[in-house]
Structures are given as C-alpha cells and as structure tokens.
Protein backbone atom coordinates (compact mmCIF):
# COMPACT_ATOMS: atom_id res chain seq x y z
CA MET A 1 71.41 -39.44 -60.47
CA ARG A 2 72.77 -42.79 -61.42
CA GLY A 3 76.12 -42.04 -59.75
CA PHE A 4 74.27 -40.86 -56.64
CA GLY A 5 72.44 -44.18 -56.40
CA ALA A 6 75.68 -46.06 -56.76
CA ALA A 7 77.31 -43.96 -54.07
CA ILE A 8 74.36 -44.66 -51.73
CA GLY A 9 74.72 -48.36 -52.47
CA ILE A 10 78.45 -48.27 -51.67
CA LEU A 11 77.80 -46.37 -48.45
CA ALA A 12 75.21 -48.96 -47.41
CA VAL A 13 77.62 -51.77 -47.99
CA LEU A 14 80.42 -49.97 -46.17
CA SER A 15 78.05 -49.18 -43.28
CA GLY A 16 77.06 -52.83 -43.09
CA SER A 17 80.71 -53.83 -43.13
CA ALA A 18 81.54 -51.35 -40.37
CA SER A 19 78.71 -52.78 -38.28
CA ALA A 20 79.94 -56.31 -38.82
CA LEU A 21 83.50 -55.31 -37.87
CA ALA A 22 82.24 -53.55 -34.73
CA ALA A 23 80.35 -56.72 -33.78
CA GLU A 24 83.44 -58.87 -34.45
CA ASP A 25 85.57 -56.48 -32.37
CA LYS A 26 83.07 -56.66 -29.52
CA ASP A 27 83.09 -60.44 -29.73
CA THR A 28 86.88 -60.55 -29.78
CA ILE A 29 87.07 -58.31 -26.67
CA GLU A 30 84.42 -60.28 -24.86
CA TYR A 31 86.17 -63.59 -25.64
CA ARG A 32 89.48 -62.20 -24.38
CA GLN A 33 87.84 -60.99 -21.18
CA HIS A 34 86.23 -64.40 -20.57
CA ILE A 35 89.67 -66.05 -20.93
CA MET A 36 91.20 -63.62 -18.42
CA LYS A 37 88.26 -63.94 -15.99
CA ALA A 38 88.60 -67.75 -16.15
CA LEU A 39 92.29 -67.43 -15.20
CA ASP A 40 91.33 -65.05 -12.38
CA ALA A 41 88.70 -67.43 -11.04
CA GLN A 42 91.09 -70.39 -11.11
CA VAL A 43 93.85 -68.41 -9.36
CA ALA A 44 91.34 -67.39 -6.70
CA VAL A 45 90.37 -71.01 -6.13
CA LEU A 46 94.02 -72.00 -6.01
CA GLY A 47 94.60 -69.34 -3.32
CA MET A 48 91.71 -70.71 -1.28
CA ILE A 49 93.11 -74.22 -1.50
CA LEU A 50 96.69 -73.29 -0.66
CA SER A 51 95.49 -71.15 2.32
CA GLY A 52 93.46 -74.06 3.65
CA ALA A 53 90.10 -72.35 3.11
CA ALA A 54 89.08 -75.02 0.55
CA PRO A 55 89.88 -78.73 0.30
CA GLU A 56 92.90 -79.67 -1.77
CA ASP A 57 91.20 -82.63 -3.44
CA ASN A 58 91.16 -80.90 -6.81
CA LEU A 59 94.45 -78.99 -6.53
CA GLN A 60 95.97 -80.76 -9.52
CA SER A 61 92.87 -80.09 -11.64
CA HIS A 62 92.99 -76.38 -10.90
CA LEU A 63 96.75 -76.20 -11.64
CA ASP A 64 96.15 -78.08 -14.89
CA THR A 65 93.28 -75.74 -15.81
CA ILE A 66 95.40 -72.63 -15.15
CA ALA A 67 98.20 -74.09 -17.26
CA LEU A 68 95.81 -74.93 -20.07
CA ILE A 69 94.09 -71.55 -20.14
CA SER A 70 97.39 -69.70 -19.86
CA GLN A 71 98.73 -71.49 -22.94
CA GLY A 72 95.81 -70.17 -25.04
CA ALA A 73 95.45 -66.78 -23.47
CA LEU A 74 97.91 -65.06 -25.80
CA GLN A 75 95.86 -66.13 -28.81
CA SER A 76 92.93 -64.11 -27.45
CA PHE A 77 95.05 -60.95 -28.00
CA GLU A 78 96.46 -61.83 -31.42
CA ALA A 79 93.58 -60.29 -33.30
CA LYS A 80 95.00 -57.01 -31.98
CA VAL A 81 91.62 -55.50 -31.20
CA PRO A 82 92.06 -52.67 -28.64
CA GLY A 83 89.50 -52.25 -25.88
CA GLY A 84 88.13 -53.87 -22.82
CA GLU A 85 90.51 -53.71 -19.91
CA SER A 86 93.64 -53.92 -22.13
CA THR A 87 95.77 -50.81 -22.52
CA PRO A 88 96.98 -49.87 -26.00
CA GLU A 89 100.51 -50.87 -24.90
CA VAL A 90 99.47 -54.51 -25.44
CA TRP A 91 99.80 -53.92 -29.14
CA THR A 92 102.37 -51.09 -29.22
CA LYS A 93 104.72 -53.21 -27.05
CA TRP A 94 103.61 -56.52 -28.51
CA ALA A 95 107.01 -58.31 -28.25
CA ASP A 96 107.22 -57.53 -24.51
CA PHE A 97 103.59 -58.52 -23.93
CA GLN A 98 104.03 -61.71 -25.89
CA GLN A 99 107.21 -62.60 -23.94
CA ARG A 100 105.44 -62.03 -20.59
CA MET A 101 102.46 -64.16 -21.62
CA ASN A 102 104.72 -66.97 -22.87
CA THR A 103 106.71 -66.85 -19.66
CA PHE A 104 103.56 -66.97 -17.60
CA ALA A 105 102.28 -70.00 -19.59
CA ALA A 106 105.59 -71.85 -19.24
CA ALA A 107 105.63 -71.17 -15.49
CA THR A 108 102.10 -72.44 -14.97
CA VAL A 109 102.87 -75.65 -16.91
CA LYS A 110 105.95 -76.09 -14.79
CA VAL A 111 104.00 -75.80 -11.54
CA ALA A 112 101.32 -78.25 -12.74
CA THR A 113 104.02 -80.71 -13.78
CA ILE A 114 105.92 -80.44 -10.46
CA MET A 115 102.62 -80.98 -8.61
CA ARG A 116 101.86 -84.09 -10.64
CA GLU A 117 105.41 -85.52 -10.19
CA GLN A 118 106.34 -84.34 -6.68
CA GLY A 119 103.24 -83.25 -4.87
CA LYS A 120 101.97 -80.14 -3.06
CA ASP A 121 104.99 -79.49 -0.88
CA ALA A 122 107.21 -79.17 -3.97
CA ILE A 123 105.12 -76.40 -5.53
CA MET A 124 104.78 -74.13 -2.59
CA SER A 125 107.83 -72.00 -3.48
CA GLU A 126 106.96 -72.08 -7.19
CA VAL A 127 103.31 -70.91 -7.15
CA ALA A 128 103.71 -67.20 -6.29
CA PRO A 129 106.42 -66.56 -8.85
CA ALA A 130 104.48 -68.44 -11.52
CA LEU A 131 101.31 -66.44 -10.93
CA SER A 132 102.92 -63.00 -11.11
CA CYS A 133 99.88 -61.53 -12.93
CA LYS A 134 100.45 -58.14 -11.37
CA SER A 135 103.65 -57.44 -13.23
CA CYS A 136 101.78 -57.73 -16.55
CA HIS A 137 98.60 -56.06 -15.27
CA ASP A 138 100.59 -53.03 -14.08
CA VAL A 139 101.59 -52.31 -17.69
CA TYR A 140 98.96 -53.87 -19.88
CA ARG A 141 95.67 -53.58 -17.96
CA VAL A 142 93.58 -50.48 -17.44
CA LYS A 143 93.81 -49.32 -13.80
CA LYS A 144 90.65 -49.96 -11.85
C-alpha cells in the first residue's frame, strides 16, 4: 500500500506540473498573438495614413512602433510552443522562419530611419516591400 500512496503522490505532482505547463503554453501563445496583432494594427494605421484616410501627423511614430515591435517579434516564438495561428512549420523550418523575421525587422527599421532622415516621399517605394507579411503568413500562419 505504501508504494501505491507514493505513486498517487507522484501522479499528483506530475498532474500539477502538466497543468502549469499547459497554462504557460497558453500564456506563451497568447503573448505571441498579442505581438502579431499589435503589428497588424500598426500596419493598418500606416495604410490609412499613406492612403490619405488618416492624418500623417504621427507617421513617424507608427513607423517607429512597427520597427520596435518587429525587432522583438521573433522572441515571442523562441519558446517554440506550437499553437495559435502558427503552423508547425515555424519550428520545423526554424532557420527559414528566423531569417524571414530578421529580414522583416531590418526592413522596418530601415523604413523608419529613412522617414526620419528624408521624409515621407522617400519611403513610399520602401514601405510595401518592407511590410511583406503575406510571404511569411503564406507558409507560417494557419489559413483563415
């Protein structure tokens, strides 16, 4: 009976650990989704500004915000917790995913810098290539 009690105790600990891991995984996925949604929202605002639907007073702030978020976005995937809107290929093709995210971050920093140094007209041909989210989403995001 003593062994049985010990086994029950071990199962209880393991069960608690599994619940804690599941909660951590959920938090990791939720955090990652918030990061990506923040990028999406900023890109939408940028589109409104560049199309003339919204004032361009804060154009630099939005570009800086996109650059800042994009630089930290890869970190939200580094825990390698599958789920959410991410396909398993994020982790099975990590080197490619990482390269795409780093390229995206560098391009957004470049656009924000050009805006700061040269103004709006200088970024117009740079914005669309910098924000090529679709090329990554086609491979690494669950189809909606």
